[in-house]
């Protein structure tokens, strides 16, 4: 039995986060995506795609798009909820929810 691409990533939350981040940035347009990724690559944010530092990702995103960084992180969190069953009932910013989700062990991804 084959596994879907999504299920093959279930064990690696950092890869899932990177995929969701890329997907949400692409939804904003190719030139925006390329500009943000150029900045992130220049800062080494994704130098190790299996160990995404969400705080560094957010700080660099905020440098580029200012307060819109929160909107992008909200979009990423919504995608994680919808496509990977991520849950966090606490009322806090998406950045905190994503960081907590990355640190969870053994939970449903």
PDB file of N, CA and C in Angstrom:
ATOM      1  N   UNK A   1       0.834  -1.196   0.000  1.00  0.00           N
ATOM      2  CA  UNK A   1       0.000   0.000   0.000  1.00  0.00           C
ATOM      3  C   UNK A   1       0.868   1.244   0.000  1.00  0.00           C
ATOM      4  N   UNK A   2       0.567   2.181  -0.854  1.00  0.00           N
ATOM      5  CA  UNK A   2       1.332   3.420  -0.927  1.00  0.00           C
ATOM      6  C   UNK A   2       0.831   4.409   0.096  1.00  0.00           C
ATOM      7  N   UNK A   3       1.663   5.367   0.389  1.00  0.00           N
ATOM      8  CA  UNK A   3       1.241   6.408   1.312  1.00  0.00           C
ATOM      9  C   UNK A   3       1.218   7.734   0.567  1.00  0.00           C
ATOM     10  N   UNK A   4       0.333   8.591   0.997  1.00  0.00           N
ATOM     11  CA  UNK A   4       0.219   9.891   0.357  1.00  0.00           C
ATOM     12  C   UNK A   4       1.389  10.765   0.785  1.00  0.00           C
ATOM     13  N   UNK A   5       1.725  11.784  -0.004  1.00  0.00           N
ATOM     14  CA  UNK A   5       2.816  12.683   0.386  1.00  0.00           C
ATOM     15  C   UNK A   5       2.589  13.304   1.758  1.00  0.00           C
ATOM     16  N   UNK A   6       1.337  13.631   2.073  1.00  0.00           N
ATOM     17  CA  UNK A   6       1.066  14.243   3.370  1.00  0.00           C
ATOM     18  C   UNK A   6       1.364  13.263   4.496  1.00  0.00           C
ATOM     19  N   UNK A   7       0.957  12.003   4.337  1.00  0.00           N
ATOM     20  CA  UNK A   7       1.189  11.052   5.412  1.00  0.00           C
ATOM     21  C   UNK A   7       2.657  10.707   5.545  1.00  0.00           C
ATOM     22  N   UNK A   8       3.430  10.792   4.470  1.00  0.00           N
ATOM     23  CA  UNK A   8       4.853  10.505   4.563  1.00  0.00           C
ATOM     24  C   UNK A   8       5.580  11.588   5.339  1.00  0.00           C
ATOM     25  N   UNK A   9       4.986  12.779   5.478  1.00  0.00           N
ATOM     26  CA  UNK A   9       5.606  13.868   6.227  1.00  0.00           C
ATOM     27  C   UNK A   9       5.105  13.925   7.664  1.00  0.00           C
ATOM     28  N   UNK A  10       4.144  13.080   8.033  1.00  0.00           N
ATOM     29  CA  UNK A  10       3.515  13.194   9.340  1.00  0.00           C
ATOM     30  C   UNK A  10       4.516  13.200  10.495  1.00  0.00           C
ATOM     31  N   UNK A  11       5.594  12.430  10.370  1.00  0.00           N
ATOM     32  CA  UNK A  11       6.540  12.351  11.463  1.00  0.00           C
ATOM     33  C   UNK A  11       7.490  13.523  11.545  1.00  0.00           C
ATOM     34  N   UNK A  12       7.533  14.375  10.579  1.00  0.00           N
ATOM     35  CA  UNK A  12       8.499  15.474  10.570  1.00  0.00           C
ATOM     36  C   UNK A  12       7.775  16.813  10.539  1.00  0.00           C
ATOM     37  N   UNK A  13       7.505  17.333  11.701  1.00  0.00           N
ATOM     38  CA  UNK A  13       6.736  18.577  11.795  1.00  0.00           C
ATOM     39  C   UNK A  13       7.469  19.773  11.201  1.00  0.00           C
ATOM     40  N   UNK A  14       8.784  19.761  11.228  1.00  0.00           N
ATOM     41  CA  UNK A  14       9.541  20.864  10.640  1.00  0.00           C
ATOM     42  C   UNK A  14       9.347  20.896   9.124  1.00  0.00           C
ATOM     43  N   UNK A  15       9.346  19.713   8.485  1.00  0.00           N
ATOM     44  CA  UNK A  15       9.104  19.644   7.042  1.00  0.00           C
ATOM     45  C   UNK A  15       7.674  20.074   6.728  1.00  0.00           C
ATOM     46  N   UNK A  16       6.750  19.679   7.576  1.00  0.00           N
ATOM     47  CA  UNK A  16       5.344  20.081   7.391  1.00  0.00           C
ATOM     48  C   UNK A  16       5.226  21.601   7.495  1.00  0.00           C
ATOM     49  N   UNK A  17       5.868  22.182   8.517  1.00  0.00           N
ATOM     50  CA  UNK A  17       5.820  23.640   8.687  1.00  0.00           C
ATOM     51  C   UNK A  17       6.404  24.338   7.472  1.00  0.00           C
ATOM     52  N   UNK A  18       7.537  23.869   6.998  1.00  0.00           N
ATOM     53  CA  UNK A  18       8.163  24.490   5.827  1.00  0.00           C
ATOM     54  C   UNK A  18       7.232  24.412   4.621  1.00  0.00           C
ATOM     55  N   UNK A  19       6.605  23.263   4.420  1.00  0.00           N
ATOM     56  CA  UNK A  19       5.672  23.090   3.306  1.00  0.00           C
ATOM     57  C   UNK A  19       4.495  24.060   3.435  1.00  0.00           C
ATOM     58  N   UNK A  20       3.922  24.161   4.631  1.00  0.00           N
ATOM     59  CA  UNK A  20       2.777  25.062   4.832  1.00  0.00           C
ATOM     60  C   UNK A  20       3.190  26.526   4.648  1.00  0.00           C
ATOM     61  N   UNK A  21       4.369  26.883   5.137  1.00  0.00           N
ATOM     62  CA  UNK A  21       4.866  28.249   4.988  1.00  0.00           C
ATOM     63  C   UNK A  21       5.028  28.585   3.504  1.00  0.00           C
ATOM     64  N   UNK A  22       5.663  27.678   2.758  1.00  0.00           N
ATOM     65  CA  UNK A  22       5.834  27.889   1.315  1.00  0.00           C
ATOM     66  C   UNK A  22       4.489  28.035   0.623  1.00  0.00           C
ATOM     67  N   UNK A  23       3.563  27.162   0.971  1.00  0.00           N
ATOM     68  CA  UNK A  23       2.231  27.180   0.341  1.00  0.00           C
ATOM     69  C   UNK A  23       1.517  28.511   0.596  1.00  0.00           C
ATOM     70  N   UNK A  24       1.557  28.974   1.827  1.00  0.00           N
ATOM     71  CA  UNK A  24       0.863  30.225   2.154  1.00  0.00           C
ATOM     72  C   UNK A  24       1.543  31.430   1.506  1.00  0.00           C
ATOM     73  N   UNK A  25       2.871  31.424   1.449  1.00  0.00           N
ATOM     74  CA  UNK A  25       3.565  32.523   0.778  1.00  0.00           C
ATOM     75  C   UNK A  25       3.262  32.532  -0.721  1.00  0.00           C
ATOM     76  N   UNK A  26       3.218  31.363  -1.338  1.00  0.00           N
ATOM     77  CA  UNK A  26       2.908  31.282  -2.770  1.00  0.00           C
ATOM     78  C   UNK A  26       1.512  31.817  -3.059  1.00  0.00           C
ATOM     79  N   UNK A  27       0.607  31.653  -2.097  1.00  0.00           N
ATOM     80  CA  UNK A  27      -0.756  32.159  -2.306  1.00  0.00           C
ATOM     81  C   UNK A  27      -0.773  33.687  -2.380  1.00  0.00           C
ATOM     82  N   UNK A  28       0.291  34.326  -1.909  1.00  0.00           N
ATOM     83  CA  UNK A  28       0.384  35.786  -1.962  1.00  0.00           C
ATOM     84  C   UNK A  28       0.964  36.287  -3.280  1.00  0.00           C
ATOM     85  N   UNK A  29       1.472  35.361  -4.089  1.00  0.00           N
ATOM     86  CA  UNK A  29       2.027  35.725  -5.391  1.00  0.00           C
ATOM     87  C   UNK A  29       3.495  35.360  -5.498  1.00  0.00           C
ATOM     88  N   UNK A  30       3.894  35.049  -6.709  1.00  0.00           N
ATOM     89  CA  UNK A  30       5.245  34.583  -6.974  1.00  0.00           C
ATOM     90  C   UNK A  30       6.319  35.606  -6.605  1.00  0.00           C
ATOM     91  N   UNK A  31       6.108  36.868  -6.937  1.00  0.00           N
ATOM     92  CA  UNK A  31       7.141  37.867  -6.643  1.00  0.00           C
ATOM     93  C   UNK A  31       7.294  38.082  -5.135  1.00  0.00           C
ATOM     94  N   UNK A  32       6.193  38.056  -4.403  1.00  0.00           N
ATOM     95  CA  UNK A  32       6.263  38.187  -2.944  1.00  0.00           C
ATOM     96  C   UNK A  32       6.985  36.980  -2.361  1.00  0.00           C
ATOM     97  N   UNK A  33       6.622  35.793  -2.837  1.00  0.00           N
ATOM     98  CA  UNK A  33       7.267  34.559  -2.384  1.00  0.00           C
ATOM     99  C   UNK A  33       8.781  34.626  -2.626  1.00  0.00           C
ATOM    100  N   UNK A  34       9.169  34.989  -3.840  1.00  0.00           N
ATOM    101  CA  UNK A  34      10.592  35.032  -4.184  1.00  0.00           C
ATOM    102  C   UNK A  34      11.352  36.052  -3.347  1.00  0.00           C
ATOM    103  N   UNK A  35      10.758  37.196  -3.105  1.00  0.00           N
ATOM    104  CA  UNK A  35      11.402  38.238  -2.300  1.00  0.00           C
ATOM    105  C   UNK A  35      11.610  37.763  -0.863  1.00  0.00           C
ATOM    106  N   UNK A  36      10.567  37.195  -0.275  1.00  0.00           N
ATOM    107  CA  UNK A  36      10.666  36.721   1.107  1.00  0.00           C
ATOM    108  C   UNK A  36      11.664  35.572   1.215  1.00  0.00           C
ATOM    109  N   UNK A  37      11.617  34.644   0.263  1.00  0.00           N
ATOM    110  CA  UNK A  37      12.534  33.497   0.319  1.00  0.00           C
ATOM    111  C   UNK A  37      13.977  33.946   0.094  1.00  0.00           C
ATOM    112  N   UNK A  38      14.193  34.931  -0.756  1.00  0.00           N
ATOM    113  CA  UNK A  38      15.542  35.454  -0.965  1.00  0.00           C
ATOM    114  C   UNK A  38      16.090  35.997   0.359  1.00  0.00           C
ATOM    115  N   UNK A  39      15.259  36.744   1.065  1.00  0.00           N
ATOM    116  CA  UNK A  39      15.645  37.296   2.363  1.00  0.00           C
ATOM    117  C   UNK A  39      15.922  36.167   3.364  1.00  0.00           C
ATOM    118  N   UNK A  40      15.009  35.196   3.443  1.00  0.00           N
ATOM    119  CA  UNK A  40      15.161  34.081   4.394  1.00  0.00           C
ATOM    120  C   UNK A  40      16.422  33.275   4.091  1.00  0.00           C
ATOM    121  N   UNK A  41      16.656  33.003   2.811  1.00  0.00           N
ATOM    122  CA  UNK A  41      17.855  32.244   2.432  1.00  0.00           C
ATOM    123  C   UNK A  41      19.123  33.016   2.786  1.00  0.00           C
ATOM    124  N   UNK A  42      19.107  34.323   2.561  1.00  0.00           N
ATOM    125  CA  UNK A  42      20.253  35.155   2.891  1.00  0.00           C
ATOM    126  C   UNK A  42      20.556  35.194   4.379  1.00  0.00           C
ATOM    127  N   UNK A  43      19.545  35.003   5.182  1.00  0.00           N
ATOM    128  CA  UNK A  43      19.703  34.999   6.636  1.00  0.00           C
ATOM    129  C   UNK A  43      19.900  33.594   7.204  1.00  0.00           C
ATOM    130  N   UNK A  44      19.846  32.582   6.342  1.00  0.00           N
ATOM    131  CA  UNK A  44      20.046  31.204   6.799  1.00  0.00           C
ATOM    132  C   UNK A  44      18.884  30.612   7.568  1.00  0.00           C
ATOM    133  N   UNK A  45      17.702  31.208   7.413  1.00  0.00           N
ATOM    134  CA  UNK A  45      16.534  30.741   8.161  1.00  0.00           C
ATOM    135  C   UNK A  45      16.208  29.286   7.831  1.00  0.00           C
ATOM    136  N   UNK A  46      16.377  28.905   6.584  1.00  0.00           N
ATOM    137  CA  UNK A  46      16.050  27.539   6.173  1.00  0.00           C
ATOM    138  C   UNK A  46      17.301  26.732   5.832  1.00  0.00           C
ATOM    139  N   UNK A  47      18.426  27.095   6.442  1.00  0.00           N
ATOM    140  CA  UNK A  47      19.665  26.371   6.142  1.00  0.00           C
ATOM    141  C   UNK A  47      19.567  24.905   6.542  1.00  0.00           C
ATOM    142  N   UNK A  48      18.745  24.609   7.538  1.00  0.00           N
ATOM    143  CA  UNK A  48      18.470  23.223   7.914  1.00  0.00           C
ATOM    144  C   UNK A  48      16.957  23.030   7.897  1.00  0.00           C
ATOM    145  N   UNK A  49      16.399  22.547   6.769  1.00  0.00           N
ATOM    146  CA  UNK A  49      14.946  22.446   6.653  1.00  0.00           C
ATOM    147  C   UNK A  49      14.317  21.459   7.629  1.00  0.00           C
ATOM    148  N   UNK A  50      15.109  20.620   8.258  1.00  0.00           N
ATOM    149  CA  UNK A  50      14.578  19.666   9.222  1.00  0.00           C
ATOM    150  C   UNK A  50      14.585  20.232  10.649  1.00  0.00           C
ATOM    151  N   UNK A  51      15.029  21.470  10.791  1.00  0.00           N
ATOM    152  CA  UNK A  51      15.057  22.109  12.111  1.00  0.00           C
ATOM    153  C   UNK A  51      14.736  23.587  11.954  1.00  0.00           C
ATOM    154  N   UNK A  52      13.523  23.888  11.604  1.00  0.00           N
ATOM    155  CA  UNK A  52      13.092  25.273  11.402  1.00  0.00           C
ATOM    156  C   UNK A  52      12.978  25.964  12.759  1.00  0.00           C
ATOM    157  N   UNK A  53      13.668  27.090  12.908  1.00  0.00           N
ATOM    158  CA  UNK A  53      13.565  27.907  14.112  1.00  0.00           C
ATOM    159  C   UNK A  53      12.420  28.890  13.879  1.00  0.00           C
ATOM    160  N   UNK A  54      11.273  28.592  14.448  1.00  0.00           N
ATOM    161  CA  UNK A  54      10.072  29.377  14.175  1.00  0.00           C
ATOM    162  C   UNK A  54      10.216  30.818  14.666  1.00  0.00           C
ATOM    163  N   UNK A  55      10.980  31.037  15.731  1.00  0.00           N
ATOM    164  CA  UNK A  55      11.195  32.400  16.220  1.00  0.00           C
ATOM    165  C   UNK A  55      12.009  33.214  15.213  1.00  0.00           C
ATOM    166  N   UNK A  56      13.047  32.596  14.641  1.00  0.00           N
ATOM    167  CA  UNK A  56      13.866  33.260  13.624  1.00  0.00           C
ATOM    168  C   UNK A  56      13.047  33.504  12.358  1.00  0.00           C
ATOM    169  N   UNK A  57      12.253  32.514  11.981  1.00  0.00           N
ATOM    170  CA  UNK A  57      11.394  32.648  10.806  1.00  0.00           C
ATOM    171  C   UNK A  57      10.475  33.858  10.990  1.00  0.00           C
ATOM    172  N   UNK A  58       9.830  33.945  12.152  1.00  0.00           N
ATOM    173  CA  UNK A  58       8.902  35.039  12.419  1.00  0.00           C
ATOM    174  C   UNK A  58       9.627  36.394  12.456  1.00  0.00           C
ATOM    175  N   UNK A  59      10.767  36.440  13.122  1.00  0.00           N
ATOM    176  CA  UNK A  59      11.510  37.707  13.228  1.00  0.00           C
ATOM    177  C   UNK A  59      11.921  38.218  11.849  1.00  0.00           C
ATOM    178  N   UNK A  60      12.391  37.317  11.008  1.00  0.00           N
ATOM    179  CA  UNK A  60      12.795  37.722   9.662  1.00  0.00           C
ATOM    180  C   UNK A  60      11.594  38.085   8.805  1.00  0.00           C
ATOM    181  N   UNK A  61      10.517  37.371   8.948  1.00  0.00           N
ATOM    182  CA  UNK A  61       9.288  37.691   8.221  1.00  0.00           C
ATOM    183  C   UNK A  61       8.787  39.070   8.640  1.00  0.00           C
ATOM    184  N   UNK A  62       8.860  39.362   9.920  1.00  0.00           N
ATOM    185  CA  UNK A  62       8.408  40.660  10.431  1.00  0.00           C
ATOM    186  C   UNK A  62       9.277  41.802   9.892  1.00  0.00           C
ATOM    187  N   UNK A  63      10.572  41.538   9.695  1.00  0.00           N
ATOM    188  CA  UNK A  63      11.456  42.553   9.104  1.00  0.00           C
ATOM    189  C   UNK A  63      10.996  42.945   7.708  1.00  0.00           C
ATOM    190  N   UNK A  64      10.491  41.965   6.975  1.00  0.00           N
ATOM    191  CA  UNK A  64      10.119  42.203   5.579  1.00  0.00           C
ATOM    192  C   UNK A  64       8.710  42.772   5.441  1.00  0.00           C
ATOM    193  N   UNK A  65       7.751  42.179   6.132  1.00  0.00           N
ATOM    194  CA  UNK A  65       6.349  42.549   5.908  1.00  0.00           C
ATOM    195  C   UNK A  65       5.698  43.225   7.105  1.00  0.00           C
ATOM    196  N   UNK A  66       6.475  43.493   8.139  1.00  0.00           N
ATOM    197  CA  UNK A  66       5.939  44.189   9.308  1.00  0.00           C
ATOM    198  C   UNK A  66       4.815  43.415   9.969  1.00  0.00           C
ATOM    199  N   UNK A  67       3.745  44.106  10.366  1.00  0.00           N
ATOM    200  CA  UNK A  67       2.659  43.447  11.092  1.00  0.00           C
ATOM    201  C   UNK A  67       1.920  42.384  10.270  1.00  0.00           C
ATOM    202  N   UNK A  68       2.141  42.360   8.969  1.00  0.00           N
ATOM    203  CA  UNK A  68       1.506  41.329   8.140  1.00  0.00           C
ATOM    204  C   UNK A  68       2.087  39.948   8.434  1.00  0.00           C
ATOM    205  N   UNK A  69       3.222  39.902   9.134  1.00  0.00           N
ATOM    206  CA  UNK A  69       3.813  38.622   9.528  1.00  0.00           C
ATOM    207  C   UNK A  69       2.820  37.817  10.367  1.00  0.00           C
ATOM    208  N   UNK A  70       2.062  38.516  11.212  1.00  0.00           N
ATOM    209  CA  UNK A  70       1.069  37.812  12.044  1.00  0.00           C
ATOM    210  C   UNK A  70      -0.013  37.188  11.180  1.00  0.00           C
ATOM    211  N   UNK A  71      -0.435  37.882  10.143  1.00  0.00           N
ATOM    212  CA  UNK A  71      -1.446  37.347   9.238  1.00  0.00           C
ATOM    213  C   UNK A  71      -0.921  36.088   8.542  1.00  0.00           C
ATOM    214  N   UNK A  72       0.327  36.127   8.100  1.00  0.00           N
ATOM    215  CA  UNK A  72       0.914  34.970   7.428  1.00  0.00           C
ATOM    216  C   UNK A  72       1.015  33.796   8.391  1.00  0.00           C
ATOM    217  N   UNK A  73       1.433  34.058   9.631  1.00  0.00           N
ATOM    218  CA  UNK A  73       1.512  32.982  10.611  1.00  0.00           C
ATOM    219  C   UNK A  73       0.116  32.437  10.931  1.00  0.00           C
ATOM    220  N   UNK A  74      -0.899  33.308  10.938  1.00  0.00           N
ATOM    221  CA  UNK A  74      -2.281  32.850  11.130  1.00  0.00           C
ATOM    222  C   UNK A  74      -2.701  31.921   9.988  1.00  0.00           C
ATOM    223  N   UNK A  75      -2.308  32.266   8.763  1.00  0.00           N
ATOM    224  CA  UNK A  75      -2.627  31.434   7.601  1.00  0.00           C
ATOM    225  C   UNK A  75      -1.931  30.077   7.708  1.00  0.00           C
ATOM    226  N   UNK A  76      -0.679  30.090   8.149  1.00  0.00           N
ATOM    227  CA  UNK A  76       0.070  28.839   8.317  1.00  0.00           C
ATOM    228  C   UNK A  76      -0.599  27.979   9.391  1.00  0.00           C
ATOM    229  N   UNK A  77      -0.971  28.587  10.529  1.00  0.00           N
ATOM    230  CA  UNK A  77      -1.623  27.833  11.599  1.00  0.00           C
ATOM    231  C   UNK A  77      -2.955  27.258  11.117  1.00  0.00           C
ATOM    232  N   UNK A  78      -3.726  28.046  10.394  1.00  0.00           N
ATOM    233  CA  UNK A  78      -5.009  27.552   9.873  1.00  0.00           C
ATOM    234  C   UNK A  78      -4.791  26.343   8.965  1.00  0.00           C
ATOM    235  N   UNK A  79      -3.747  26.383   8.136  1.00  0.00           N
ATOM    236  CA  UNK A  79      -3.419  25.247   7.280  1.00  0.00           C
ATOM    237  C   UNK A  79      -3.012  24.029   8.087  1.00  0.00           C
ATOM    238  N   UNK A  80      -2.242  24.235   9.142  1.00  0.00           N
ATOM    239  CA  UNK A  80      -1.843  23.124  10.010  1.00  0.00           C
ATOM    240  C   UNK A  80      -3.066  22.499  10.682  1.00  0.00           C
ATOM    241  N   UNK A  81      -4.007  23.327  11.102  1.00  0.00           N
ATOM    242  CA  UNK A  81      -5.236  22.816  11.711  1.00  0.00           C
ATOM    243  C   UNK A  81      -6.040  21.998  10.706  1.00  0.00           C
ATOM    244  N   UNK A  82      -6.236  22.572   9.531  1.00  0.00           N
ATOM    245  CA  UNK A  82      -7.089  21.950   8.525  1.00  0.00           C
ATOM    246  C   UNK A  82      -6.469  20.684   7.929  1.00  0.00           C
ATOM    247  N   UNK A  83      -5.204  20.747   7.571  1.00  0.00           N
ATOM    248  CA  UNK A  83      -4.586  19.642   6.843  1.00  0.00           C
ATOM    249  C   UNK A  83      -3.871  18.631   7.724  1.00  0.00           C
ATOM    250  N   UNK A  84      -3.496  19.028   8.946  1.00  0.00           N
ATOM    251  CA  UNK A  84      -2.703  18.128   9.782  1.00  0.00           C
ATOM    252  C   UNK A  84      -3.276  17.948  11.181  1.00  0.00           C
ATOM    253  N   UNK A  85      -4.485  18.441  11.406  1.00  0.00           N
ATOM    254  CA  UNK A  85      -5.158  18.222  12.684  1.00  0.00           C
ATOM    255  C   UNK A  85      -4.518  18.904  13.878  1.00  0.00           C
ATOM    256  N   UNK A  86      -3.709  19.927  13.641  1.00  0.00           N
ATOM    257  CA  UNK A  86      -3.081  20.653  14.753  1.00  0.00           C
ATOM    258  C   UNK A  86      -4.166  21.303  15.600  1.00  0.00           C
ATOM    259  N   UNK A  87      -3.999  21.236  16.908  1.00  0.00           N
ATOM    260  CA  UNK A  87      -4.981  21.832  17.813  1.00  0.00           C
ATOM    261  C   UNK A  87      -4.268  22.510  18.966  1.00  0.00           C
ATOM    262  N   UNK A  88      -4.785  23.643  19.374  1.00  0.00           N
ATOM    263  CA  UNK A  88      -4.308  24.336  20.562  1.00  0.00           C
ATOM    264  C   UNK A  88      -5.446  25.231  21.025  1.00  0.00           C
ATOM    265  N   UNK A  89      -6.145  24.824  22.091  1.00  0.00           N
ATOM    266  CA  UNK A  89      -7.324  25.583  22.531  1.00  0.00           C
ATOM    267  C   UNK A  89      -6.995  26.920  23.195  1.00  0.00           C
ATOM    268  N   UNK A  90      -5.719  27.139  23.541  1.00  0.00           N
ATOM    269  CA  UNK A  90      -5.361  28.393  24.208  1.00  0.00           C
ATOM    270  C   UNK A  90      -5.520  29.571  23.256  1.00  0.00           C
ATOM    271  N   UNK A  91      -5.955  30.665  23.808  1.00  0.00           N
ATOM    272  CA  UNK A  91      -6.107  31.876  23.010  1.00  0.00           C
ATOM    273  C   UNK A  91      -4.776  32.627  23.032  1.00  0.00           C
ATOM    274  N   UNK A  92      -3.953  32.344  22.047  1.00  0.00           N
ATOM    275  CA  UNK A  92      -2.665  33.017  21.920  1.00  0.00           C
ATOM    276  C   UNK A  92      -2.375  33.178  20.442  1.00  0.00           C
ATOM    277  N   UNK A  93      -1.326  33.929  20.144  1.00  0.00           N
ATOM    278  CA  UNK A  93      -0.973  34.169  18.746  1.00  0.00           C
ATOM    279  C   UNK A  93      -0.562  32.871  18.069  1.00  0.00           C
ATOM    280  N   UNK A  94      -0.740  32.858  16.764  1.00  0.00           N
ATOM    281  CA  UNK A  94      -0.393  31.676  15.977  1.00  0.00           C
ATOM    282  C   UNK A  94       1.073  31.296  16.131  1.00  0.00           C
ATOM    283  N   UNK A  95       1.956  32.274  16.282  1.00  0.00           N
ATOM    284  CA  UNK A  95       3.375  31.978  16.475  1.00  0.00           C
ATOM    285  C   UNK A  95       3.569  31.045  17.664  1.00  0.00           C
ATOM    286  N   UNK A  96       2.935  31.349  18.771  1.00  0.00           N
ATOM    287  CA  UNK A  96       3.044  30.512  19.967  1.00  0.00           C
ATOM    288  C   UNK A  96       2.453  29.135  19.754  1.00  0.00           C
ATOM    289  N   UNK A  97       1.342  29.078  19.037  1.00  0.00           N
ATOM    290  CA  UNK A  97       0.708  27.788  18.753  1.00  0.00           C
ATOM    291  C   UNK A  97       1.611  26.925  17.874  1.00  0.00           C
ATOM    292  N   UNK A  98       2.211  27.541  16.863  1.00  0.00           N
ATOM    293  CA  UNK A  98       3.096  26.803  15.957  1.00  0.00           C
ATOM    294  C   UNK A  98       4.322  26.308  16.718  1.00  0.00           C
ATOM    295  N   UNK A  99       4.903  27.167  17.541  1.00  0.00           N
ATOM    296  CA  UNK A  99       6.078  26.765  18.327  1.00  0.00           C
ATOM    297  C   UNK A  99       5.739  25.594  19.241  1.00  0.00           C
ATOM    298  N   UNK A 100       4.601  25.647  19.879  1.00  0.00           N
ATOM    299  CA  UNK A 100       4.164  24.562  20.770  1.00  0.00           C
ATOM    300  C   UNK A 100       3.942  23.277  19.967  1.00  0.00           C
ATOM    301  N   UNK A 101       3.300  23.389  18.822  1.00  0.00           N
ATOM    302  CA  UNK A 101       3.026  22.238  17.968  1.00  0.00           C
ATOM    303  C   UNK A 101       4.329  21.576  17.516  1.00  0.00           C
ATOM    304  N   UNK A 102       5.332  22.395  17.169  1.00  0.00           N
ATOM    305  CA  UNK A 102       6.624  21.848  16.749  1.00  0.00           C
ATOM    306  C   UNK A 102       7.298  21.067  17.877  1.00  0.00           C
ATOM    307  N   UNK A 103       7.084  21.509  19.113  1.00  0.00           N
ATOM    308  CA  UNK A 103       7.744  20.884  20.255  1.00  0.00           C
ATOM    309  C   UNK A 103       7.012  19.651  20.792  1.00  0.00           C
ATOM    310  N   UNK A 104       5.761  19.459  20.377  1.00  0.00           N
ATOM    311  CA  UNK A 104       5.009  18.298  20.867  1.00  0.00           C
ATOM    312  C   UNK A 104       5.645  17.016  20.391  1.00  0.00           C
ATOM    313  N   UNK A 105       5.621  16.007  21.251  1.00  0.00           N
ATOM    314  CA  UNK A 105       6.161  14.703  20.896  1.00  0.00           C
ATOM    315  C   UNK A 105       5.021  13.698  20.818  1.00  0.00           C
ATOM    316  N   UNK A 106       4.968  13.001  19.709  1.00  0.00           N
ATOM    317  CA  UNK A 106       4.023  11.905  19.578  1.00  0.00           C
ATOM    318  C   UNK A 106       2.588  12.286  19.332  1.00  0.00           C
ATOM    319  N   UNK A 107       2.272  13.566  19.325  1.00  0.00           N
ATOM    320  CA  UNK A 107       0.903  13.981  19.055  1.00  0.00           C
ATOM    321  C   UNK A 107       0.566  13.845  17.587  1.00  0.00           C
ATOM    322  N   UNK A 108      -0.700  13.925  17.259  1.00  0.00           N
ATOM    323  CA  UNK A 108      -1.114  13.843  15.852  1.00  0.00           C
ATOM    324  C   UNK A 108      -0.597  15.061  15.128  1.00  0.00           C
ATOM    325  N   UNK A 109       0.048  14.838  14.037  1.00  0.00           N
ATOM    326  CA  UNK A 109       0.589  15.953  13.251  1.00  0.00           C
ATOM    327  C   UNK A 109      -0.399  16.411  12.227  1.00  0.00           C
TER     328      UNK A 109
END
